[in-house]
Amino acid sequence: MRPRARRIAMLLAACLLGAPASARSAEPPSTGGTSAPESDPALVATAHVLVGRVARFRGSFTARDAGRSVSVERFDAGMGSWAEVAATTVRSDGSYAARWRTDVAGRHRARAVLRRPGIEDGGAALLSASPVQETSMTVYRPAVASWYGPGFYGRRTACGLRMTRTLLGVAHRRLPCGTEVALTYSGRSITVPVVDRGPFRPGRRWDLTAATAKALRFTSTDRIGAVRVG
């Protein structure tokens, strides 16, 4: 590069470096409005609970909803409609909490909806435009279970699968092969298919494969939570 051209290039570089940051990087234009409001916190529910035990719900709408009634509902797939399981009131800070002594086992959709002000007769009075918060939860039936595996590895199960140390599943006397079953034990949960027939000892309802028992840290005959979900 010639000396004169080199000096011009250096001057241009100096000008660019000395320019204010706003000139070098374009900022998004201001809309003049307020920032978008944060989304409402999702409904939080006890994710795994035995039938007959209390499930807890909590969430938040807005402080201006203080004093309004909240309907907590589960979806009844058989009826094709929502059924209220608990009701509560929005606190002064917008939060709410409710309890349901579970009486229906299964994997449930649950929601919390604000009722129309001044109306206390449940779902039929809900405003279609009212905020709705949804979540899911599983309610299990208690049952005695055992586990098996050693001595059966390499054999075919009653459902035609090869029993291995890694086969996840449960044995049940009557449920069709492949039926999905949710299990919970000592704070852990898993969903596995029916892969075999059994158990055949009186008083036991489920037989867990060794891999399933390991996932739940289930080491001996004990009471678990189980429910068909598929």
C-alpha atoms as a PDB file:
ATOM      1  CA  MET A   1       0.000   0.000   0.000  1.00  0.00           C
ATOM      2  CA  ARG A   2       1.312   3.483  -0.897  1.00  0.00           C
ATOM      3  CA  PRO A   3       2.171   5.910   2.008  1.00  0.00           C
ATOM      4  CA  ARG A   4      -0.695   8.311   1.151  1.00  0.00           C
ATOM      5  CA  ALA A   5      -3.270   5.485   0.951  1.00  0.00           C
ATOM      6  CA  ARG A   6      -1.927   3.988   4.230  1.00  0.00           C
ATOM      7  CA  ARG A   7      -2.394   7.343   6.036  1.00  0.00           C
ATOM      8  CA  ILE A   8      -5.984   7.659   4.761  1.00  0.00           C
ATOM      9  CA  ALA A   9      -6.810   4.128   5.944  1.00  0.00           C
ATOM     10  CA  MET A  10      -5.358   4.854   9.411  1.00  0.00           C
ATOM     11  CA  LEU A  11      -7.414   8.062   9.696  1.00  0.00           C
ATOM     12  CA  LEU A  12     -10.617   6.234   8.774  1.00  0.00           C
ATOM     13  CA  ALA A  13      -9.905   3.513  11.360  1.00  0.00           C
ATOM     14  CA  ALA A  14      -9.296   6.145  14.044  1.00  0.00           C
ATOM     15  CA  CYS A  15     -12.614   7.830  13.255  1.00  0.00           C
ATOM     16  CA  LEU A  16     -14.488   4.548  13.505  1.00  0.00           C
ATOM     17  CA  LEU A  17     -12.875   3.640  16.829  1.00  0.00           C
ATOM     18  CA  GLY A  18     -13.655   7.032  18.254  1.00  0.00           C
ATOM     19  CA  ALA A  19     -17.299   6.996  17.227  1.00  0.00           C
ATOM     20  CA  PRO A  20     -19.862   6.490  20.048  1.00  0.00           C
ATOM     21  CA  ALA A  21     -21.144   2.972  20.573  1.00  0.00           C
ATOM     22  CA  SER A  22     -24.646   3.989  19.549  1.00  0.00           C
ATOM     23  CA  ALA A  23     -23.334   4.899  16.117  1.00  0.00           C
ATOM     24  CA  ARG A  24     -21.518   1.589  15.673  1.00  0.00           C
ATOM     25  CA  SER A  25     -24.312  -0.759  16.765  1.00  0.00           C
ATOM     26  CA  ALA A  26     -27.924  -0.083  15.987  1.00  0.00           C
ATOM     27  CA  GLU A  27     -30.278  -0.501  18.915  1.00  0.00           C
ATOM     28  CA  PRO A  28     -33.828  -1.758  18.372  1.00  0.00           C
ATOM     29  CA  PRO A  29     -36.219   1.148  18.051  1.00  0.00           C
ATOM     30  CA  SER A  30     -38.311   1.951  21.073  1.00  0.00           C
ATOM     31  CA  THR A  31     -41.996   1.233  20.730  1.00  0.00           C
ATOM     32  CA  GLY A  32     -42.829   3.771  23.409  1.00  0.00           C
ATOM     33  CA  GLY A  33     -44.945   1.195  25.219  1.00  0.00           C
ATOM     34  CA  THR A  34     -44.455  -0.957  28.287  1.00  0.00           C
ATOM     35  CA  SER A  35     -42.677  -4.303  28.318  1.00  0.00           C
ATOM     36  CA  ALA A  36     -44.760  -7.426  27.799  1.00  0.00           C
ATOM     37  CA  PRO A  37     -46.139  -8.831  31.064  1.00  0.00           C
ATOM     38  CA  GLU A  38     -44.629 -12.036  32.392  1.00  0.00           C
ATOM     39  CA  SER A  39     -46.741 -15.142  31.906  1.00  0.00           C
ATOM     40  CA  ASP A  40     -48.683 -16.458  34.880  1.00  0.00           C
ATOM     41  CA  PRO A  41     -46.858 -19.128  36.881  1.00  0.00           C
ATOM     42  CA  ALA A  42     -48.012 -22.613  35.947  1.00  0.00           C
ATOM     43  CA  LEU A  43     -50.274 -24.563  38.254  1.00  0.00           C
ATOM     44  CA  VAL A  44     -48.169 -26.786  40.487  1.00  0.00           C
ATOM     45  CA  ALA A  45     -49.685 -29.996  41.859  1.00  0.00           C
ATOM     46  CA  THR A  46     -48.488 -33.019  43.799  1.00  0.00           C
ATOM     47  CA  ALA A  47     -47.182 -35.073  40.887  1.00  0.00           C
ATOM     48  CA  HIS A  48     -47.412 -38.520  42.515  1.00  0.00           C
ATOM     49  CA  VAL A  49     -49.865 -39.431  45.262  1.00  0.00           C
ATOM     50  CA  LEU A  50     -51.606 -42.564  46.539  1.00  0.00           C
ATOM     51  CA  VAL A  51     -55.397 -42.644  46.264  1.00  0.00           C
ATOM     52  CA  GLY A  52     -56.937 -41.505  49.530  1.00  0.00           C
ATOM     53  CA  ARG A  53     -54.010 -39.197  50.290  1.00  0.00           C
ATOM     54  CA  VAL A  54     -54.076 -35.405  49.964  1.00  0.00           C
ATOM     55  CA  ALA A  55     -52.822 -33.751  46.775  1.00  0.00           C
ATOM     56  CA  ARG A  56     -51.840 -30.092  47.009  1.00  0.00           C
ATOM     57  CA  PHE A  57     -52.189 -27.393  44.371  1.00  0.00           C
ATOM     58  CA  ARG A  58     -50.648 -23.935  44.265  1.00  0.00           C
ATOM     59  CA  GLY A  59     -50.335 -21.179  41.723  1.00  0.00           C
ATOM     60  CA  SER A  60     -50.800 -17.490  41.144  1.00  0.00           C
ATOM     61  CA  PHE A  61     -53.022 -15.172  39.141  1.00  0.00           C
ATOM     62  CA  THR A  62     -52.661 -11.418  39.758  1.00  0.00           C
ATOM     63  CA  ALA A  63     -53.041  -9.218  42.824  1.00  0.00           C
ATOM     64  CA  ARG A  64     -56.084  -7.550  41.270  1.00  0.00           C
ATOM     65  CA  ASP A  65     -57.809 -10.964  41.366  1.00  0.00           C
ATOM     66  CA  ALA A  66     -57.573 -11.031  45.184  1.00  0.00           C
ATOM     67  CA  GLY A  67     -60.773 -12.351  46.740  1.00  0.00           C
ATOM     68  CA  ARG A  68     -61.973 -14.128  43.612  1.00  0.00           C
ATOM     69  CA  SER A  69     -62.835 -17.812  43.753  1.00  0.00           C
ATOM     70  CA  VAL A  70     -60.665 -20.435  42.077  1.00  0.00           C
ATOM     71  CA  SER A  71     -62.017 -23.777  40.871  1.00  0.00           C
ATOM     72  CA  VAL A  72     -59.495 -26.645  40.785  1.00  0.00           C
ATOM     73  CA  GLU A  73     -60.706 -29.408  38.468  1.00  0.00           C
ATOM     74  CA  ARG A  74     -59.659 -32.701  36.946  1.00  0.00           C
ATOM     75  CA  PHE A  75     -60.681 -33.878  33.493  1.00  0.00           C
ATOM     76  CA  ASP A  76     -63.052 -36.856  33.608  1.00  0.00           C
ATOM     77  CA  ALA A  77     -62.277 -38.743  30.404  1.00  0.00           C
ATOM     78  CA  GLY A  78     -65.313 -41.007  30.844  1.00  0.00           C
ATOM     79  CA  MET A  79     -67.708 -38.062  31.016  1.00  0.00           C
ATOM     80  CA  GLY A  80     -65.700 -35.890  28.643  1.00  0.00           C
ATOM     81  CA  SER A  81     -65.935 -32.936  31.012  1.00  0.00           C
ATOM     82  CA  TRP A  82     -64.164 -31.202  33.894  1.00  0.00           C
ATOM     83  CA  ALA A  83     -65.090 -32.034  37.494  1.00  0.00           C
ATOM     84  CA  GLU A  84     -64.281 -29.780  40.428  1.00  0.00           C
ATOM     85  CA  VAL A  85     -62.135 -31.400  43.134  1.00  0.00           C
ATOM     86  CA  ALA A  86     -61.285 -28.326  45.230  1.00  0.00           C
ATOM     87  CA  ALA A  87     -62.129 -24.646  45.573  1.00  0.00           C
ATOM     88  CA  THR A  88     -60.172 -21.792  47.100  1.00  0.00           C
ATOM     89  CA  THR A  89     -59.767 -18.003  47.045  1.00  0.00           C
ATOM     90  CA  VAL A  90     -57.060 -15.796  45.577  1.00  0.00           C
ATOM     91  CA  ARG A  91     -54.940 -14.169  48.296  1.00  0.00           C
ATOM     92  CA  SER A  92     -53.996 -10.497  48.417  1.00  0.00           C
ATOM     93  CA  ASP A  93     -50.724 -11.141  46.562  1.00  0.00           C
ATOM     94  CA  GLY A  94     -52.452 -13.121  43.793  1.00  0.00           C
ATOM     95  CA  SER A  95     -51.383 -16.565  45.013  1.00  0.00           C
ATOM     96  CA  TYR A  96     -53.690 -19.431  45.910  1.00  0.00           C
ATOM     97  CA  ALA A  97     -53.479 -22.936  47.381  1.00  0.00           C
ATOM     98  CA  ALA A  98     -55.918 -25.850  47.501  1.00  0.00           C
ATOM     99  CA  ARG A  99     -56.111 -29.484  48.626  1.00  0.00           C
ATOM    100  CA  TRP A 100     -57.841 -32.559  47.202  1.00  0.00           C
ATOM    101  CA  ARG A 101     -58.196 -35.827  49.092  1.00  0.00           C
ATOM    102  CA  THR A 102     -57.806 -38.015  46.031  1.00  0.00           C
ATOM    103  CA  ASP A 103     -60.563 -40.509  45.341  1.00  0.00           C
ATOM    104  CA  VAL A 104     -59.950 -41.404  41.679  1.00  0.00           C
ATOM    105  CA  ALA A 105     -56.825 -43.298  40.583  1.00  0.00           C
ATOM    106  CA  GLY A 106     -55.237 -42.607  37.222  1.00  0.00           C
ATOM    107  CA  ARG A 107     -53.175 -40.086  35.318  1.00  0.00           C
ATOM    108  CA  HIS A 108     -55.122 -36.845  35.422  1.00  0.00           C
ATOM    109  CA  ARG A 109     -55.166 -33.491  33.685  1.00  0.00           C
ATOM    110  CA  ALA A 110     -55.827 -30.820  36.269  1.00  0.00           C
ATOM    111  CA  ARG A 111     -56.579 -27.136  35.908  1.00  0.00           C
ATOM    112  CA  ALA A 112     -57.280 -24.034  37.970  1.00  0.00           C
ATOM    113  CA  VAL A 113     -59.747 -21.455  36.650  1.00  0.00           C
ATOM    114  CA  LEU A 114     -61.017 -18.151  38.025  1.00  0.00           C
ATOM    115  CA  ARG A 115     -64.774 -18.071  38.580  1.00  0.00           C
ATOM    116  CA  ARG A 116     -66.942 -15.212  37.405  1.00  0.00           C
ATOM    117  CA  PRO A 117     -67.120 -12.554  40.150  1.00  0.00           C
ATOM    118  CA  GLY A 118     -70.176 -13.009  42.344  1.00  0.00           C
ATOM    119  CA  ILE A 119     -70.919 -16.529  41.034  1.00  0.00           C
ATOM    120  CA  GLU A 120     -70.219 -19.563  43.205  1.00  0.00           C
ATOM    121  CA  ASP A 121     -71.900 -22.440  41.355  1.00  0.00           C
ATOM    122  CA  GLY A 122     -68.858 -24.061  39.786  1.00  0.00           C
ATOM    123  CA  GLY A 123     -67.744 -24.899  36.280  1.00  0.00           C
ATOM    124  CA  ALA A 124     -70.853 -23.751  34.419  1.00  0.00           C
ATOM    125  CA  ALA A 125     -70.194 -20.198  35.604  1.00  0.00           C
ATOM    126  CA  LEU A 126     -66.611 -19.978  34.416  1.00  0.00           C
ATOM    127  CA  LEU A 127     -65.787 -17.189  32.036  1.00  0.00           C
ATOM    128  CA  SER A 128     -64.481 -18.525  28.734  1.00  0.00           C
ATOM    129  CA  ALA A 129     -61.882 -15.737  28.733  1.00  0.00           C
ATOM    130  CA  SER A 130     -60.731 -16.388  32.314  1.00  0.00           C
ATOM    131  CA  PRO A 131     -57.096 -17.399  32.806  1.00  0.00           C
ATOM    132  CA  VAL A 132     -56.669 -21.176  32.902  1.00  0.00           C
ATOM    133  CA  GLN A 133     -53.661 -22.990  34.315  1.00  0.00           C
ATOM    134  CA  GLU A 134     -53.130 -26.707  33.625  1.00  0.00           C
ATOM    135  CA  THR A 135     -50.858 -29.475  34.849  1.00  0.00           C
ATOM    136  CA  SER A 136     -50.843 -33.273  35.131  1.00  0.00           C
ATOM    137  CA  MET A 137     -50.628 -35.651  38.063  1.00  0.00           C
ATOM    138  CA  THR A 138     -50.800 -39.381  38.767  1.00  0.00           C
ATOM    139  CA  VAL A 139     -52.882 -40.977  41.510  1.00  0.00           C
ATOM    140  CA  TYR A 140     -51.844 -44.556  42.338  1.00  0.00           C
ATOM    141  CA  ARG A 141     -53.496 -47.496  44.040  1.00  0.00           C
ATOM    142  CA  PRO A 142     -51.435 -49.089  46.836  1.00  0.00           C
ATOM    143  CA  ALA A 143     -50.524 -52.746  46.243  1.00  0.00           C
ATOM    144  CA  VAL A 144     -48.026 -55.347  47.388  1.00  0.00           C
ATOM    145  CA  ALA A 145     -45.295 -56.161  44.864  1.00  0.00           C
ATOM    146  CA  SER A 146     -42.247 -58.360  44.551  1.00  0.00           C
ATOM    147  CA  TRP A 147     -39.465 -58.589  41.959  1.00  0.00           C
ATOM    148  CA  TYR A 148     -37.812 -61.342  39.930  1.00  0.00           C
ATOM    149  CA  GLY A 149     -35.139 -61.972  37.327  1.00  0.00           C
ATOM    150  CA  PRO A 150     -32.248 -64.198  38.441  1.00  0.00           C
ATOM    151  CA  GLY A 151     -32.930 -67.733  37.243  1.00  0.00           C
ATOM    152  CA  PHE A 152     -35.150 -66.470  34.406  1.00  0.00           C
ATOM    153  CA  TYR A 153     -32.589 -64.631  32.278  1.00  0.00           C
ATOM    154  CA  GLY A 154     -32.581 -65.889  28.713  1.00  0.00           C
ATOM    155  CA  ARG A 155     -36.081 -67.347  28.915  1.00  0.00           C
ATOM    156  CA  ARG A 156     -39.129 -66.039  27.099  1.00  0.00           C
ATOM    157  CA  THR A 157     -41.781 -64.258  29.135  1.00  0.00           C
ATOM    158  CA  ALA A 158     -45.482 -65.028  28.746  1.00  0.00           C
ATOM    159  CA  CYS A 159     -45.645 -61.971  26.463  1.00  0.00           C
ATOM    160  CA  GLY A 160     -42.939 -63.365  24.174  1.00  0.00           C
ATOM    161  CA  LEU A 161     -40.047 -61.146  25.306  1.00  0.00           C
ATOM    162  CA  ARG A 162     -36.623 -62.395  26.296  1.00  0.00           C
ATOM    163  CA  MET A 163     -35.986 -61.857  29.987  1.00  0.00           C
ATOM    164  CA  THR A 164     -32.732 -59.954  30.512  1.00  0.00           C
ATOM    165  CA  ARG A 165     -31.122 -57.862  33.230  1.00  0.00           C
ATOM    166  CA  THR A 166     -32.219 -54.709  31.382  1.00  0.00           C
ATOM    167  CA  LEU A 167     -35.826 -55.584  30.516  1.00  0.00           C
ATOM    168  CA  LEU A 168     -38.151 -52.974  31.995  1.00  0.00           C
ATOM    169  CA  GLY A 169     -41.641 -54.203  32.781  1.00  0.00           C
ATOM    170  CA  VAL A 170     -44.015 -55.824  35.230  1.00  0.00           C
ATOM    171  CA  ALA A 171     -45.851 -59.112  35.487  1.00  0.00           C
ATOM    172  CA  HIS A 172     -49.600 -59.084  36.120  1.00  0.00           C
ATOM    173  CA  ARG A 173     -52.138 -61.892  36.130  1.00  0.00           C
ATOM    174  CA  ARG A 174     -54.752 -60.363  33.804  1.00  0.00           C
ATOM    175  CA  LEU A 175     -53.727 -57.080  32.166  1.00  0.00           C
ATOM    176  CA  PRO A 176     -52.990 -57.435  28.432  1.00  0.00           C
ATOM    177  CA  CYS A 177     -49.368 -57.599  27.363  1.00  0.00           C
ATOM    178  CA  GLY A 178     -48.018 -54.144  26.571  1.00  0.00           C
ATOM    179  CA  THR A 179     -50.406 -52.303  28.894  1.00  0.00           C
ATOM    180  CA  GLU A 180     -48.638 -49.253  30.317  1.00  0.00           C
ATOM    181  CA  VAL A 181     -48.458 -49.152  34.110  1.00  0.00           C
ATOM    182  CA  ALA A 182     -47.196 -46.256  36.236  1.00  0.00           C
ATOM    183  CA  LEU A 183     -45.348 -47.254  39.409  1.00  0.00           C
ATOM    184  CA  THR A 184     -44.076 -45.243  42.363  1.00  0.00           C
ATOM    185  CA  TYR A 185     -41.960 -46.256  45.333  1.00  0.00           C
ATOM    186  CA  SER A 186     -40.034 -44.297  47.923  1.00  0.00           C
ATOM    187  CA  GLY A 187     -40.263 -41.037  46.014  1.00  0.00           C
ATOM    188  CA  ARG A 188     -39.337 -42.504  42.616  1.00  0.00           C
ATOM    189  CA  SER A 189     -41.614 -43.249  39.688  1.00  0.00           C
ATOM    190  CA  ILE A 190     -41.489 -45.049  36.345  1.00  0.00           C
ATOM    191  CA  THR A 191     -43.915 -46.148  33.619  1.00  0.00           C
ATOM    192  CA  VAL A 192     -43.365 -49.620  32.144  1.00  0.00           C
ATOM    193  CA  PRO A 193     -45.348 -52.186  30.111  1.00  0.00           C
ATOM    194  CA  VAL A 194     -46.793 -55.496  31.201  1.00  0.00           C
ATOM    195  CA  VAL A 195     -44.292 -58.091  29.933  1.00  0.00           C
ATOM    196  CA  ASP A 196     -45.172 -61.278  31.807  1.00  0.00           C
ATOM    197  CA  ARG A 197     -47.745 -63.142  33.903  1.00  0.00           C
ATOM    198  CA  GLY A 198     -47.612 -63.292  37.697  1.00  0.00           C
ATOM    199  CA  PRO A 199     -47.060 -63.014  40.580  1.00  0.00           C
ATOM    200  CA  PHE A 200     -48.588 -66.270  41.725  1.00  0.00           C
ATOM    201  CA  ARG A 201     -48.104 -65.963  45.459  1.00  0.00           C
ATOM    202  CA  PRO A 202     -51.192 -64.904  47.448  1.00  0.00           C
ATOM    203  CA  GLY A 203     -51.338 -61.271  48.479  1.00  0.00           C
ATOM    204  CA  ARG A 204     -49.032 -59.988  45.738  1.00  0.00           C
ATOM    205  CA  ARG A 205     -50.427 -57.986  42.815  1.00  0.00           C
ATOM    206  CA  TRP A 206     -47.340 -57.040  40.794  1.00  0.00           C
ATOM    207  CA  ASP A 207     -43.992 -58.622  39.976  1.00  0.00           C
ATOM    208  CA  LEU A 208     -41.306 -56.168  38.865  1.00  0.00           C
ATOM    209  CA  THR A 209     -38.483 -57.181  36.551  1.00  0.00           C
ATOM    210  CA  ALA A 210     -35.004 -56.733  37.996  1.00  0.00           C
ATOM    211  CA  ALA A 211     -34.390 -53.617  35.873  1.00  0.00           C
ATOM    212  CA  THR A 212     -37.643 -52.033  37.043  1.00  0.00           C
ATOM    213  CA  ALA A 213     -36.871 -52.834  40.669  1.00  0.00           C
ATOM    214  CA  LYS A 214     -33.406 -51.325  40.266  1.00  0.00           C
ATOM    215  CA  ALA A 215     -34.846 -48.111  38.758  1.00  0.00           C
ATOM    216  CA  LEU A 216     -37.141 -47.747  41.779  1.00  0.00           C
ATOM    217  CA  ARG A 217     -34.500 -48.981  44.261  1.00  0.00           C
ATOM    218  CA  PHE A 218     -36.985 -51.657  45.248  1.00  0.00           C
ATOM    219  CA  THR A 219     -35.146 -54.509  46.979  1.00  0.00           C
ATOM    220  CA  SER A 220     -37.740 -56.693  48.693  1.00  0.00           C
ATOM    221  CA  THR A 221     -41.444 -57.493  48.793  1.00  0.00           C
ATOM    222  CA  ASP A 222     -43.147 -54.261  49.795  1.00  0.00           C
ATOM    223  CA  ARG A 223     -46.100 -51.989  49.163  1.00  0.00           C
ATOM    224  CA  ILE A 224     -45.890 -49.731  46.096  1.00  0.00           C
ATOM    225  CA  GLY A 225     -48.210 -47.418  44.182  1.00  0.00           C
ATOM    226  CA  ALA A 226     -49.386 -48.677  40.784  1.00  0.00           C
ATOM    227  CA  VAL A 227     -52.012 -47.672  38.237  1.00  0.00           C
ATOM    228  CA  ARG A 228     -52.827 -48.531  34.660  1.00  0.00           C
ATOM    229  CA  VAL A 229     -52.242 -45.520  32.392  1.00  0.00           C
ATOM    230  CA  GLY A 230     -52.387 -47.030  28.916  1.00  0.00           C
END
